[in-house]
Amino acid sequence: MKSIELTSHVGKDGILKIQMPVDITDQEVDVVVVVQPRLKSEPAADMPEARGWLPGFFEKTAGAWQGDPLTRPPQGKYEIRGELK
C-alpha cells in the first residue's frame, strides 16, 4: 500500500479532480478520501507563503526595478558537446 497526500480544490460544481503520479497508471486501485477543510490561515501548498516566501513579496518586488534597463550581453557561439550515453 502506498500513501499519497495531496492538496486539492473542490469546485463550485462539487467536483474534486485528482491527478495521480505517473507511476500509478493502467491499474485498479482502492482510494480513500479524507475530507479536511483547510483553515483560511493555512496557505495552500502551491502558494508562495507555503514555500517560505513572505506574504506579498512578489507583488511588492515584481517589476520594481527603477534603474537602467537590464541588458544581457551576447553569449557567443553555442558550444557543441559530445552526445551523452
Protein backbone atom coordinates (compact mmCIF):
# COMPACT_ATOMS: atom_id res chain seq x y z
CA MET A 1 0.00 0.00 0.00
CA LYS A 2 1.26 3.45 -0.88
CA SER A 3 0.07 6.57 0.95
CA ILE A 4 -0.07 9.81 -1.04
CA GLU A 5 -1.03 13.15 0.47
CA LEU A 6 -2.45 15.74 -1.92
CA THR A 7 -3.96 19.18 -1.56
CA SER A 8 -6.76 19.89 -3.98
CA HIS A 9 -9.72 22.19 -4.61
CA VAL A 10 -13.39 21.29 -4.85
CA GLY A 11 -15.04 23.48 -7.47
CA LYS A 12 -18.44 25.17 -7.17
CA ASP A 13 -19.88 22.18 -9.01
CA GLY A 14 -18.75 19.90 -6.16
CA ILE A 15 -16.29 18.02 -8.33
CA LEU A 16 -12.91 17.06 -6.89
CA LYS A 17 -10.29 16.31 -9.53
CA ILE A 18 -7.31 14.21 -8.51
CA GLN A 19 -4.26 13.64 -10.70
CA MET A 20 -2.25 10.59 -9.78
CA PRO A 21 1.54 10.33 -10.07
CA VAL A 22 2.82 8.92 -13.35
CA ASP A 23 3.94 5.65 -11.76
CA ILE A 24 0.30 4.75 -10.93
CA THR A 25 -1.27 4.14 -14.32
CA ASP A 26 -3.35 1.45 -16.01
CA GLN A 27 -4.20 -0.41 -12.79
CA GLU A 28 -7.06 -0.90 -10.35
CA VAL A 29 -6.63 0.93 -7.04
CA ASP A 30 -8.68 1.45 -3.89
CA VAL A 31 -8.90 5.13 -2.97
CA VAL A 32 -9.72 6.51 0.49
CA VAL A 33 -10.71 10.17 0.65
CA VAL A 34 -10.46 12.07 3.94
CA VAL A 35 -12.09 15.48 3.70
CA GLN A 36 -10.43 18.03 5.95
CA PRO A 37 -11.39 21.64 5.23
CA ARG A 38 -8.35 23.90 5.01
CA LEU A 39 -8.23 26.71 7.54
CA LYS A 40 -8.10 30.14 5.92
CA SER A 41 -4.89 30.88 7.84
CA GLU A 42 -3.13 27.92 6.20
CA PRO A 43 -1.66 28.74 2.78
CA ALA A 44 -2.22 26.14 0.07
CA ALA A 45 0.87 24.05 -0.70
CA ASP A 46 1.29 25.75 -4.07
CA MET A 47 1.18 29.27 -2.60
CA PRO A 48 4.47 31.18 -2.14
CA GLU A 49 3.83 31.55 1.60
CA ALA A 50 3.80 27.76 1.98
CA ARG A 51 7.23 27.67 0.35
CA GLY A 52 8.76 30.16 2.79
CA TRP A 53 8.23 33.47 0.95
CA LEU A 54 6.86 36.42 2.91
CA PRO A 55 3.24 37.32 2.11
CA GLY A 56 3.11 39.92 -0.68
CA PHE A 57 6.81 39.54 -1.58
CA PHE A 58 6.24 39.03 -5.30
CA GLU A 59 3.57 41.72 -5.52
CA LYS A 60 5.99 44.24 -3.98
CA THR A 61 9.12 43.25 -5.91
CA ALA A 62 7.98 42.12 -9.38
CA GLY A 63 8.63 44.99 -11.78
CA ALA A 64 10.07 47.19 -9.04
CA TRP A 65 13.50 47.77 -10.66
CA GLN A 66 13.92 51.55 -11.10
CA GLY A 67 17.48 51.70 -12.51
CA ASP A 68 18.83 51.40 -16.05
CA PRO A 69 17.23 48.68 -18.14
CA LEU A 70 18.90 45.34 -17.60
CA THR A 71 20.65 44.02 -20.69
CA ARG A 72 22.26 40.71 -21.41
CA PRO A 73 25.44 40.81 -23.47
CA PRO A 74 25.82 38.47 -26.45
CA GLN A 75 26.58 34.93 -25.31
CA GLY A 76 28.83 33.95 -28.20
CA LYS A 77 28.57 30.79 -30.24
CA TYR A 78 26.84 27.75 -28.82
CA GLU A 79 29.29 25.10 -27.68
CA ILE A 80 28.62 21.75 -29.35
CA ARG A 81 29.19 18.98 -26.86
CA GLY A 82 29.52 15.25 -27.23
CA GLU A 83 26.39 13.14 -27.02
CA LEU A 84 25.53 11.63 -23.62
CA LYS A 85 25.23 7.86 -23.45
